[in-house]
Amino acid sequence: MLVKNVHIHNCEGLWQILIEEGKISRIFPQDEALNYSGEILDGEEGIIYPPFVEPHIHLDATQTAGQPNWNQSGTLFEGIERWAERKSLLSHEDVKSRAWKTLKWQIANGSHRAATVISSMLLIQPVTHLGSLSMAFSAAPWLTPMTLPSRSSIEVKPERFLTMSPT
């Protein structure tokens, strides 16, 4: 893929970026000719930035603030109590739906990776983490789940997400 006609932070002028096998292979000025016949994306003189990374997210707990009650004191101890209340309301579909919605928001805002604790928690909270894990693998057309010791990292495949219908 060739991304052309883009500004790069701290660089004067317009640039082209050649991507081969999923990696940037060359960055060169816009006015330099290139004999390329593959996919071309016109950046329309916009700024190109590397994607954002979500370094730590609990997909099982996303979008649960205030359910069933708010943490009025803001303390860790009350937060743990509120989560214990909410945890009793969890289901596989509930977790999967909220996790997928959150990942869609992150993708739409430029995140291409999200690291979430899944594998180490399966024995402790199987419903919540199996829901997150199931969601990650069901999202395979747009995300690449990568299991690491005690963590899972999900890498976005933006070229596939761009063709996804918004649901």
N, C-alpha and C. Protein backbone atom coordinates (compact mmCIF):
# COMPACT_ATOMS: atom_id res chain seq x y z
N MET A 1 0.85 -1.17 0.00
CA MET A 1 0.00 0.00 0.00
C MET A 1 0.90 1.23 0.00
N LEU A 2 0.47 2.24 -0.74
CA LEU A 2 1.17 3.52 -0.76
C LEU A 2 0.22 4.57 -0.20
N VAL A 3 0.66 5.24 0.86
CA VAL A 3 -0.09 6.36 1.42
C VAL A 3 0.62 7.60 0.90
N LYS A 4 -0.10 8.43 0.16
CA LYS A 4 0.54 9.59 -0.45
C LYS A 4 -0.13 10.87 0.01
N ASN A 5 0.59 11.98 -0.21
CA ASN A 5 0.01 13.29 0.01
C ASN A 5 -0.31 13.54 1.48
N VAL A 6 0.64 13.24 2.39
CA VAL A 6 0.42 13.43 3.82
C VAL A 6 1.52 14.29 4.44
N HIS A 7 1.15 14.98 5.49
CA HIS A 7 2.11 15.71 6.31
C HIS A 7 2.59 14.77 7.41
N ILE A 8 3.85 14.89 7.77
CA ILE A 8 4.42 14.12 8.88
C ILE A 8 4.87 15.12 9.93
N HIS A 9 4.53 14.89 11.17
CA HIS A 9 4.89 15.78 12.28
C HIS A 9 6.38 16.10 12.26
N ASN A 10 6.71 17.37 12.38
CA ASN A 10 8.09 17.87 12.41
C ASN A 10 8.83 17.71 11.09
N CYS A 11 8.12 17.50 9.99
CA CYS A 11 8.75 17.41 8.67
C CYS A 11 8.06 18.40 7.73
N GLU A 12 8.84 19.12 6.98
CA GLU A 12 8.29 20.08 6.02
C GLU A 12 7.76 19.37 4.79
N GLY A 13 6.73 19.92 4.18
CA GLY A 13 6.22 19.42 2.91
C GLY A 13 5.32 18.20 3.04
N LEU A 14 5.00 17.64 1.88
CA LEU A 14 4.16 16.46 1.79
C LEU A 14 5.02 15.23 1.54
N TRP A 15 4.54 14.08 2.01
CA TRP A 15 5.32 12.85 1.97
C TRP A 15 4.48 11.69 1.44
N GLN A 16 5.19 10.62 1.06
CA GLN A 16 4.59 9.35 0.67
C GLN A 16 5.16 8.27 1.60
N ILE A 17 4.33 7.31 1.93
CA ILE A 17 4.77 6.22 2.80
C ILE A 17 4.42 4.90 2.11
N LEU A 18 5.44 4.11 1.84
CA LEU A 18 5.24 2.81 1.21
C LEU A 18 5.19 1.74 2.30
N ILE A 19 4.13 0.95 2.28
CA ILE A 19 3.94 -0.12 3.27
C ILE A 19 3.96 -1.45 2.53
N GLU A 20 4.89 -2.31 2.92
CA GLU A 20 5.01 -3.63 2.31
C GLU A 20 4.97 -4.69 3.40
N GLU A 21 4.15 -5.71 3.19
CA GLU A 21 3.99 -6.81 4.14
C GLU A 21 3.65 -6.30 5.54
N GLY A 22 2.81 -5.26 5.59
CA GLY A 22 2.34 -4.74 6.86
C GLY A 22 3.32 -3.84 7.59
N LYS A 23 4.45 -3.50 6.97
CA LYS A 23 5.46 -2.65 7.62
C LYS A 23 5.86 -1.49 6.71
N ILE A 24 6.17 -0.37 7.33
CA ILE A 24 6.65 0.78 6.55
C ILE A 24 8.01 0.42 5.98
N SER A 25 8.12 0.46 4.66
CA SER A 25 9.40 0.11 4.02
C SER A 25 10.14 1.35 3.52
N ARG A 26 9.40 2.45 3.31
CA ARG A 26 10.08 3.63 2.78
C ARG A 26 9.21 4.86 3.00
N ILE A 27 9.83 5.97 3.37
CA ILE A 27 9.17 7.26 3.48
C ILE A 27 9.96 8.22 2.59
N PHE A 28 9.26 8.90 1.70
CA PHE A 28 9.97 9.77 0.76
C PHE A 28 9.07 10.94 0.36
N PRO A 29 9.69 12.03 -0.14
CA PRO A 29 8.93 13.24 -0.49
C PRO A 29 7.86 12.96 -1.54
N GLN A 30 6.76 13.73 -1.46
CA GLN A 30 5.64 13.57 -2.37
C GLN A 30 6.04 13.77 -3.82
N ASP A 31 6.97 14.67 -4.08
CA ASP A 31 7.33 14.96 -5.47
C ASP A 31 8.28 13.94 -6.08
N GLU A 32 8.72 12.95 -5.30
CA GLU A 32 9.57 11.89 -5.84
C GLU A 32 8.71 10.84 -6.53
N ALA A 33 9.05 10.54 -7.76
CA ALA A 33 8.27 9.57 -8.54
C ALA A 33 8.52 8.14 -8.06
N LEU A 34 7.46 7.35 -8.11
CA LEU A 34 7.57 5.94 -7.72
C LEU A 34 6.72 5.13 -8.68
N ASN A 35 7.30 4.09 -9.23
CA ASN A 35 6.56 3.19 -10.11
C ASN A 35 5.87 2.15 -9.22
N TYR A 36 4.62 2.42 -8.86
CA TYR A 36 3.89 1.56 -7.94
C TYR A 36 2.50 1.30 -8.50
N SER A 37 2.07 0.04 -8.52
CA SER A 37 0.78 -0.30 -9.11
C SER A 37 -0.20 -0.90 -8.10
N GLY A 38 0.17 -0.92 -6.82
CA GLY A 38 -0.71 -1.49 -5.80
C GLY A 38 -1.74 -0.49 -5.30
N GLU A 39 -2.32 -0.80 -4.15
CA GLU A 39 -3.33 0.06 -3.54
C GLU A 39 -2.72 1.39 -3.12
N ILE A 40 -3.41 2.49 -3.46
CA ILE A 40 -2.93 3.83 -3.11
C ILE A 40 -4.01 4.53 -2.29
N LEU A 41 -3.59 5.09 -1.16
CA LEU A 41 -4.49 5.84 -0.30
C LEU A 41 -4.04 7.29 -0.31
N ASP A 42 -4.92 8.20 -0.74
CA ASP A 42 -4.60 9.63 -0.78
C ASP A 42 -4.93 10.24 0.58
N GLY A 43 -3.91 10.76 1.26
CA GLY A 43 -4.10 11.38 2.57
C GLY A 43 -4.69 12.77 2.51
N GLU A 44 -4.88 13.30 1.31
CA GLU A 44 -5.53 14.59 1.09
C GLU A 44 -4.90 15.70 1.93
N GLU A 45 -3.58 15.67 2.04
CA GLU A 45 -2.79 16.67 2.76
C GLU A 45 -3.05 16.71 4.26
N GLY A 46 -3.58 15.62 4.79
CA GLY A 46 -3.78 15.52 6.23
C GLY A 46 -2.50 15.09 6.93
N ILE A 47 -2.51 15.14 8.26
CA ILE A 47 -1.36 14.70 9.05
C ILE A 47 -1.52 13.22 9.34
N ILE A 48 -0.45 12.47 9.21
CA ILE A 48 -0.48 11.05 9.53
C ILE A 48 0.28 10.83 10.84
N TYR A 49 -0.32 10.07 11.72
CA TYR A 49 0.29 9.76 13.01
C TYR A 49 0.30 8.25 13.21
N PRO A 50 1.20 7.75 14.05
CA PRO A 50 1.12 6.33 14.39
C PRO A 50 -0.14 6.09 15.22
N PRO A 51 -0.63 4.85 15.24
CA PRO A 51 -1.86 4.57 15.99
C PRO A 51 -1.63 4.67 17.49
N PHE A 52 -2.72 4.86 18.20
CA PHE A 52 -2.68 4.86 19.65
C PHE A 52 -2.69 3.42 20.15
N VAL A 53 -2.24 3.22 21.39
CA VAL A 53 -2.25 1.91 22.03
C VAL A 53 -2.93 2.07 23.38
N GLU A 54 -3.89 1.21 23.66
CA GLU A 54 -4.51 1.15 24.98
C GLU A 54 -3.68 0.18 25.79
N PRO A 55 -2.86 0.67 26.73
CA PRO A 55 -1.93 -0.22 27.43
C PRO A 55 -2.55 -1.11 28.49
N HIS A 56 -3.75 -0.76 28.97
CA HIS A 56 -4.34 -1.56 30.05
C HIS A 56 -5.83 -1.25 30.12
N ILE A 57 -6.65 -2.25 29.84
CA ILE A 57 -8.10 -2.06 29.94
C ILE A 57 -8.74 -3.35 30.45
N HIS A 58 -9.74 -3.18 31.27
CA HIS A 58 -10.51 -4.32 31.76
C HIS A 58 -11.78 -4.38 30.93
N LEU A 59 -11.76 -5.16 29.87
CA LEU A 59 -12.92 -5.23 28.97
C LEU A 59 -14.15 -5.80 29.65
N ASP A 60 -13.96 -6.59 30.69
CA ASP A 60 -15.11 -7.14 31.40
C ASP A 60 -15.83 -6.07 32.22
N ALA A 61 -15.12 -5.01 32.60
CA ALA A 61 -15.69 -3.98 33.47
C ALA A 61 -16.04 -2.70 32.72
N THR A 62 -15.72 -2.63 31.44
CA THR A 62 -15.96 -1.40 30.70
C THR A 62 -17.45 -1.05 30.66
N GLN A 63 -17.73 0.24 30.74
CA GLN A 63 -19.10 0.77 30.65
C GLN A 63 -20.02 0.25 31.75
N THR A 64 -19.48 0.11 32.94
CA THR A 64 -20.31 -0.34 34.06
C THR A 64 -20.40 0.70 35.17
N ALA A 65 -19.82 1.87 34.98
CA ALA A 65 -19.84 2.90 36.03
C ALA A 65 -21.28 3.22 36.41
N GLY A 66 -21.53 3.25 37.70
CA GLY A 66 -22.87 3.58 38.19
C GLY A 66 -23.85 2.42 38.20
N GLN A 67 -23.40 1.25 37.80
CA GLN A 67 -24.29 0.07 37.75
C GLN A 67 -23.84 -0.95 38.79
N PRO A 68 -24.58 -1.31 39.75
CA PRO A 68 -25.88 -0.77 40.08
C PRO A 68 -25.82 0.53 40.89
N ASN A 69 -24.65 0.87 41.45
CA ASN A 69 -24.52 2.10 42.25
C ASN A 69 -23.19 2.78 41.95
N TRP A 70 -23.16 4.10 42.17
CA TRP A 70 -21.92 4.86 41.99
C TRP A 70 -21.01 4.71 43.20
N ASN A 71 -19.72 4.81 42.97
CA ASN A 71 -18.72 4.84 44.05
C ASN A 71 -18.73 6.27 44.60
N GLN A 72 -19.53 6.51 45.62
CA GLN A 72 -19.72 7.86 46.15
C GLN A 72 -18.47 8.43 46.81
N SER A 73 -17.69 7.59 47.48
CA SER A 73 -16.50 8.08 48.18
C SER A 73 -15.28 8.19 47.27
N GLY A 74 -15.31 7.46 46.15
CA GLY A 74 -14.16 7.48 45.24
C GLY A 74 -12.99 6.64 45.73
N THR A 75 -13.20 5.87 46.77
CA THR A 75 -12.10 5.07 47.33
C THR A 75 -12.01 3.71 46.65
N LEU A 76 -10.84 3.12 46.72
CA LEU A 76 -10.63 1.78 46.18
C LEU A 76 -11.55 0.78 46.88
N PHE A 77 -11.69 0.90 48.20
CA PHE A 77 -12.51 -0.05 48.94
C PHE A 77 -13.97 -0.03 48.49
N GLU A 78 -14.52 1.17 48.31
CA GLU A 78 -15.90 1.24 47.84
C GLU A 78 -15.98 0.78 46.39
N GLY A 79 -14.96 1.08 45.60
CA GLY A 79 -14.93 0.60 44.22
C GLY A 79 -14.99 -0.91 44.14
N ILE A 80 -14.27 -1.57 45.04
CA ILE A 80 -14.29 -3.04 45.09
C ILE A 80 -15.68 -3.54 45.48
N GLU A 81 -16.32 -2.85 46.43
CA GLU A 81 -17.69 -3.22 46.83
C GLU A 81 -18.66 -3.05 45.66
N ARG A 82 -18.56 -1.91 44.92
CA ARG A 82 -19.45 -1.67 43.78
C ARG A 82 -19.24 -2.74 42.71
N TRP A 83 -17.97 -3.13 42.46
CA TRP A 83 -17.71 -4.16 41.45
C TRP A 83 -18.29 -5.50 41.89
N ALA A 84 -18.21 -5.80 43.16
CA ALA A 84 -18.79 -7.06 43.66
C ALA A 84 -20.30 -7.07 43.39
N GLU A 85 -20.95 -5.92 43.57
CA GLU A 85 -22.39 -5.83 43.28
C GLU A 85 -22.65 -6.03 41.79
N ARG A 86 -21.86 -5.38 40.96
CA ARG A 86 -22.06 -5.43 39.50
C ARG A 86 -21.74 -6.82 38.94
N LYS A 87 -20.74 -7.45 39.53
CA LYS A 87 -20.30 -8.75 39.04
C LYS A 87 -21.42 -9.79 39.09
N SER A 88 -22.30 -9.68 40.06
CA SER A 88 -23.39 -10.64 40.17
C SER A 88 -24.40 -10.49 39.02
N LEU A 89 -24.35 -9.38 38.29
CA LEU A 89 -25.28 -9.12 37.19
C LEU A 89 -24.68 -9.49 35.83
N LEU A 90 -23.43 -9.92 35.81
CA LEU A 90 -22.75 -10.18 34.54
C LEU A 90 -23.24 -11.44 33.87
N SER A 91 -23.21 -11.41 32.55
CA SER A 91 -23.46 -12.60 31.74
C SER A 91 -22.46 -12.58 30.60
N HIS A 92 -22.30 -13.71 29.95
CA HIS A 92 -21.38 -13.82 28.82
C HIS A 92 -21.73 -12.78 27.75
N GLU A 93 -23.00 -12.69 27.39
CA GLU A 93 -23.42 -11.75 26.33
C GLU A 93 -23.25 -10.30 26.76
N ASP A 94 -23.52 -10.00 28.03
CA ASP A 94 -23.35 -8.65 28.56
C ASP A 94 -21.90 -8.20 28.41
N VAL A 95 -20.97 -9.04 28.86
CA VAL A 95 -19.55 -8.70 28.78
C VAL A 95 -19.11 -8.56 27.33
N LYS A 96 -19.52 -9.50 26.52
CA LYS A 96 -19.13 -9.50 25.10
C LYS A 96 -19.63 -8.23 24.40
N SER A 97 -20.86 -7.85 24.65
CA SER A 97 -21.45 -6.67 24.02
C SER A 97 -20.73 -5.39 24.43
N ARG A 98 -20.50 -5.22 25.73
CA ARG A 98 -19.83 -4.01 26.21
C ARG A 98 -18.38 -3.95 25.76
N ALA A 99 -17.70 -5.09 25.76
CA ALA A 99 -16.29 -5.13 25.33
C ALA A 99 -16.17 -4.78 23.85
N TRP A 100 -17.04 -5.33 23.04
CA TRP A 100 -17.00 -5.06 21.60
C TRP A 100 -17.31 -3.60 21.32
N LYS A 101 -18.28 -3.03 22.04
CA LYS A 101 -18.62 -1.61 21.87
C LYS A 101 -17.42 -0.73 22.22
N THR A 102 -16.75 -1.06 23.31
CA THR A 102 -15.58 -0.29 23.72
C THR A 102 -14.46 -0.39 22.70
N LEU A 103 -14.20 -1.58 22.19
CA LEU A 103 -13.14 -1.73 21.19
C LEU A 103 -13.49 -0.98 19.91
N LYS A 104 -14.75 -0.95 19.52
CA LYS A 104 -15.15 -0.17 18.35
C LYS A 104 -14.86 1.31 18.57
N TRP A 105 -15.15 1.81 19.77
CA TRP A 105 -14.86 3.21 20.08
C TRP A 105 -13.36 3.47 19.97
N GLN A 106 -12.58 2.56 20.52
CA GLN A 106 -11.13 2.74 20.47
C GLN A 106 -10.62 2.72 19.04
N ILE A 107 -11.11 1.81 18.23
CA ILE A 107 -10.70 1.73 16.83
C ILE A 107 -11.06 3.03 16.12
N ALA A 108 -12.27 3.50 16.34
CA ALA A 108 -12.74 4.73 15.67
C ALA A 108 -11.92 5.95 16.07
N ASN A 109 -11.29 5.89 17.24
CA ASN A 109 -10.49 7.01 17.72
C ASN A 109 -8.99 6.80 17.53
N GLY A 110 -8.61 5.81 16.74
CA GLY A 110 -7.21 5.65 16.37
C GLY A 110 -6.41 4.63 17.14
N SER A 111 -7.02 3.88 18.04
CA SER A 111 -6.29 2.82 18.74
C SER A 111 -6.21 1.59 17.86
N HIS A 112 -5.03 1.02 17.76
CA HIS A 112 -4.85 -0.19 16.95
C HIS A 112 -4.44 -1.39 17.79
N ARG A 113 -4.20 -1.16 19.07
CA ARG A 113 -3.90 -2.26 19.99
C ARG A 113 -4.55 -1.97 21.33
N ALA A 114 -4.99 -3.03 21.98
CA ALA A 114 -5.54 -2.90 23.33
C ALA A 114 -5.05 -4.09 24.13
N ALA A 115 -4.40 -3.82 25.24
CA ALA A 115 -3.93 -4.89 26.12
C ALA A 115 -4.94 -5.05 27.24
N THR A 116 -5.43 -6.27 27.41
CA THR A 116 -6.43 -6.54 28.44
C THR A 116 -6.07 -7.81 29.20
N VAL A 117 -6.35 -7.79 30.48
CA VAL A 117 -6.12 -8.98 31.29
C VAL A 117 -7.25 -9.96 30.99
N ILE A 118 -6.90 -11.09 30.42
CA ILE A 118 -7.91 -12.12 30.13
C ILE A 118 -7.44 -13.46 30.68
N SER A 119 -6.34 -13.95 30.14
CA SER A 119 -5.93 -15.33 30.41
C SER A 119 -5.67 -15.63 31.87
N SER A 120 -5.06 -14.70 32.61
CA SER A 120 -4.74 -14.99 34.01
C SER A 120 -5.98 -14.96 34.88
N MET A 121 -7.06 -14.36 34.40
CA MET A 121 -8.25 -14.22 35.21
C MET A 121 -9.31 -15.27 34.91
N LEU A 122 -9.07 -16.14 33.95
CA LEU A 122 -10.10 -17.10 33.56
C LEU A 122 -10.55 -17.99 34.72
N LEU A 123 -9.63 -18.37 35.58
CA LEU A 123 -9.99 -19.25 36.70
C LEU A 123 -10.73 -18.49 37.80
N ILE A 124 -10.42 -17.19 37.93
CA ILE A 124 -11.02 -16.40 39.01
C ILE A 124 -12.41 -15.90 38.63
N GLN A 125 -12.55 -15.38 37.41
CA GLN A 125 -13.82 -14.82 36.96
C GLN A 125 -14.14 -15.36 35.57
N PRO A 126 -14.49 -16.63 35.46
CA PRO A 126 -14.65 -17.22 34.14
C PRO A 126 -15.71 -16.58 33.27
N VAL A 127 -16.84 -16.18 33.83
CA VAL A 127 -17.91 -15.59 33.00
C VAL A 127 -17.41 -14.30 32.35
N THR A 128 -16.81 -13.42 33.15
CA THR A 128 -16.41 -12.12 32.61
C THR A 128 -15.27 -12.26 31.62
N HIS A 129 -14.29 -13.06 31.92
CA HIS A 129 -13.12 -13.12 31.05
C HIS A 129 -13.34 -14.03 29.84
N LEU A 130 -14.18 -15.03 29.97
CA LEU A 130 -14.52 -15.81 28.78
C LEU A 130 -15.32 -14.95 27.81
N GLY A 131 -16.15 -14.05 28.34
CA GLY A 131 -16.88 -13.13 27.48
C GLY A 131 -15.93 -12.22 26.72
N SER A 132 -14.92 -11.68 27.42
CA SER A 132 -13.93 -10.83 26.77
C SER A 132 -13.13 -11.61 25.74
N LEU A 133 -12.72 -12.81 26.10
CA LEU A 133 -11.93 -13.64 25.20
C LEU A 133 -12.74 -14.04 23.97
N SER A 134 -13.99 -14.43 24.20
CA SER A 134 -14.86 -14.80 23.09
C SER A 134 -15.05 -13.62 22.15
N MET A 135 -15.26 -12.42 22.71
CA MET A 135 -15.43 -11.23 21.91
C MET A 135 -14.18 -10.97 21.08
N ALA A 136 -13.01 -11.12 21.69
CA ALA A 136 -11.76 -10.86 20.98
C ALA A 136 -11.63 -11.79 19.78
N PHE A 137 -11.95 -13.06 19.94
CA PHE A 137 -11.80 -14.00 18.84
C PHE A 137 -12.93 -13.86 17.82
N SER A 138 -14.12 -13.46 18.25
CA SER A 138 -15.20 -13.26 17.28
C SER A 138 -14.95 -12.01 16.44
N ALA A 139 -14.10 -11.12 16.93
CA ALA A 139 -13.76 -9.89 16.20
C ALA A 139 -12.57 -10.10 15.27
N ALA A 140 -12.20 -11.33 15.04
CA ALA A 140 -11.01 -11.65 14.25
C ALA A 140 -10.92 -10.96 12.89
N PRO A 141 -12.02 -10.67 12.20
CA PRO A 141 -11.85 -9.95 10.94
C PRO A 141 -11.24 -8.55 11.10
N TRP A 142 -11.36 -7.95 12.30
CA TRP A 142 -10.86 -6.59 12.50
C TRP A 142 -9.74 -6.51 13.53
N LEU A 143 -9.61 -7.49 14.38
CA LEU A 143 -8.63 -7.47 15.45
C LEU A 143 -7.83 -8.76 15.46
N THR A 144 -6.59 -8.68 15.91
CA THR A 144 -5.78 -9.88 16.06
C THR A 144 -5.56 -10.14 17.54
N PRO A 145 -6.23 -11.13 18.13
CA PRO A 145 -5.97 -11.44 19.54
C PRO A 145 -4.61 -12.12 19.68
N MET A 146 -3.83 -11.67 20.63
CA MET A 146 -2.52 -12.27 20.89
C MET A 146 -2.44 -12.60 22.37
N THR A 147 -2.35 -13.86 22.69
CA THR A 147 -2.29 -14.27 24.09
C THR A 147 -0.85 -14.24 24.57
N LEU A 148 -0.64 -13.54 25.66
CA LEU A 148 0.67 -13.42 26.28
C LEU A 148 0.56 -13.96 27.70
N PRO A 149 1.66 -14.29 28.36
CA PRO A 149 1.55 -14.75 29.75
C PRO A 149 0.83 -13.72 30.61
N SER A 150 -0.28 -14.09 31.17
CA SER A 150 -1.12 -13.32 32.08
C SER A 150 -1.75 -12.08 31.45
N ARG A 151 -1.59 -11.85 30.16
CA ARG A 151 -2.23 -10.71 29.50
C ARG A 151 -2.61 -11.13 28.09
N SER A 152 -3.53 -10.42 27.53
CA SER A 152 -3.84 -10.59 26.12
C SER A 152 -3.77 -9.23 25.47
N SER A 153 -3.24 -9.19 24.28
CA SER A 153 -3.15 -7.95 23.53
C SER A 153 -3.93 -8.15 22.24
N ILE A 154 -4.72 -7.18 21.89
CA ILE A 154 -5.55 -7.27 20.70
C ILE A 154 -5.06 -6.22 19.72
N GLU A 155 -4.65 -6.64 18.54
CA GLU A 155 -4.16 -5.71 17.53
C GLU A 155 -5.21 -5.51 16.45
N VAL A 156 -5.49 -4.26 16.17
CA VAL A 156 -6.49 -3.92 15.17
C VAL A 156 -5.93 -4.13 13.77
N LYS A 157 -6.77 -4.63 12.88
CA LYS A 157 -6.44 -4.71 11.46
C LYS A 157 -7.23 -3.60 10.78
N PRO A 158 -6.70 -2.37 10.74
CA PRO A 158 -7.49 -1.22 10.27
C PRO A 158 -7.99 -1.37 8.85
N GLU A 159 -7.25 -2.04 7.99
CA GLU A 159 -7.69 -2.17 6.60
C GLU A 159 -8.98 -2.97 6.52
N ARG A 160 -9.22 -3.87 7.45
CA ARG A 160 -10.47 -4.64 7.45
C ARG A 160 -11.58 -3.85 8.14
N PHE A 161 -11.22 -3.08 9.17
CA PHE A 161 -12.22 -2.31 9.89
C PHE A 161 -12.84 -1.25 8.98
N LEU A 162 -12.06 -0.68 8.07
CA LEU A 162 -12.56 0.36 7.18
C LEU A 162 -13.70 -0.14 6.30
N THR A 163 -13.75 -1.45 6.05
CA THR A 163 -14.81 -2.00 5.21
C THR A 163 -15.97 -2.57 6.02
N MET A 164 -15.90 -2.43 7.33
CA MET A 164 -16.92 -2.99 8.22
C MET A 164 -18.17 -2.12 8.21
N SER A 165 -19.33 -2.74 8.23
CA SER A 165 -20.56 -1.97 8.32
C SER A 165 -20.77 -1.55 9.77
N PRO A 166 -21.16 -0.29 9.99
CA PRO A 166 -21.31 0.19 11.38
C PRO A 166 -22.56 -0.38 12.04
N THR A 167 -22.35 -1.25 13.02
CA THR A 167 -23.49 -1.81 13.77
C THR A 167 -23.21 -1.70 15.24
